[in-house]
Amino acid sequence: KDFRKGLLKKGACYGDDACFVARHRSADVLGVADGVGGWRDYGVDPSQFSGTLMRTCERLVKEGRFVPSNPIGILTTSYCELLQNKVPLLGSSTACIVVLDRTSHRLHTANLGDSGFLVVRGGEVVHRSDEQQHYFNTPFQLSIAPPEAEGVVLSDSPDAADSTSFDVQLGDIILTATDGLFDNMPDYMILQELKKLKNSNYESIQQTARSIAEQAHELAYDPNYMSPFAQFACDNGLNVRGGKPDDITVLLSIVAEYTD
């Protein structure tokens, strides 16, 4: 059934990931989201939901309509705005929001589903998000379904997001990404790439983020590689090998002294 009455062009293929970076006088905020690709089977472009969700989060931050210590609040307000649209925006998405409070020097996070973050200090992972799955390859997700599909389409509340808060230090590396990265690169490979990050200037950070994404993309199409996703599948009784082709979004940042 085509819920969107043909708005998705036949044969079209879109990237389903979305992200944002927003600054406010009180905090720096990053977010990633991964639209659920299964909606494409019903004529719905999955990128519209994830993209609108992230753009709304970005606007809320820029308008100061958030509390740094409550990233779930950003996600909740954004999702509620989508629900209140006169024309329903159908779809589903995972989401991960990280907020660096400039006053307290604490990182506040909210993660719903299988996108996530890593905090690296001294070459080691000191904090990481917990993946949320209902069952194998079915992550927690925000959803808006047509009336006839309510109760059938999987949908979680923003309050179901895993929330953490902890202090960060100057020089800490914060990597936020969609599952396309984590399904194809284990932590040790990511750490190897991060060792190439020589300083905190924009060009170096951008080059390293691109290198990580490109390596994950290459591994995703290696049929003989035992990827984290393949290992997870094997742990669930499935005989799977190779990478997992997917959209890959990587946001890389370093905690530094604030300059106005």
Foldseek 3Di string as FASTA:
>chain_A
DAPPVQPQPPPDDDAQKAKDWADDPFKTKIKIKGWDPVCVVNNADSNVVNHQLRVQLRVCVNVVVDDLQCPLVSSQVSLVVQVPDPDHRWTKMWMKMWIQGQPVQKIKIWGFAAWWKFKDDPLHTPDIADHAAPDQPHTAIAGDDPPVCPVPDHHDHSVPTDMDMDHDDAFIKMKTKGVLLQQADPPVVLSVLVVQQDDQDPVSQVVSQVVSQVVSQVQQAAQAAATNSCVVCVVVVDNGGTHHHHDMDMDMHGDHDDDD
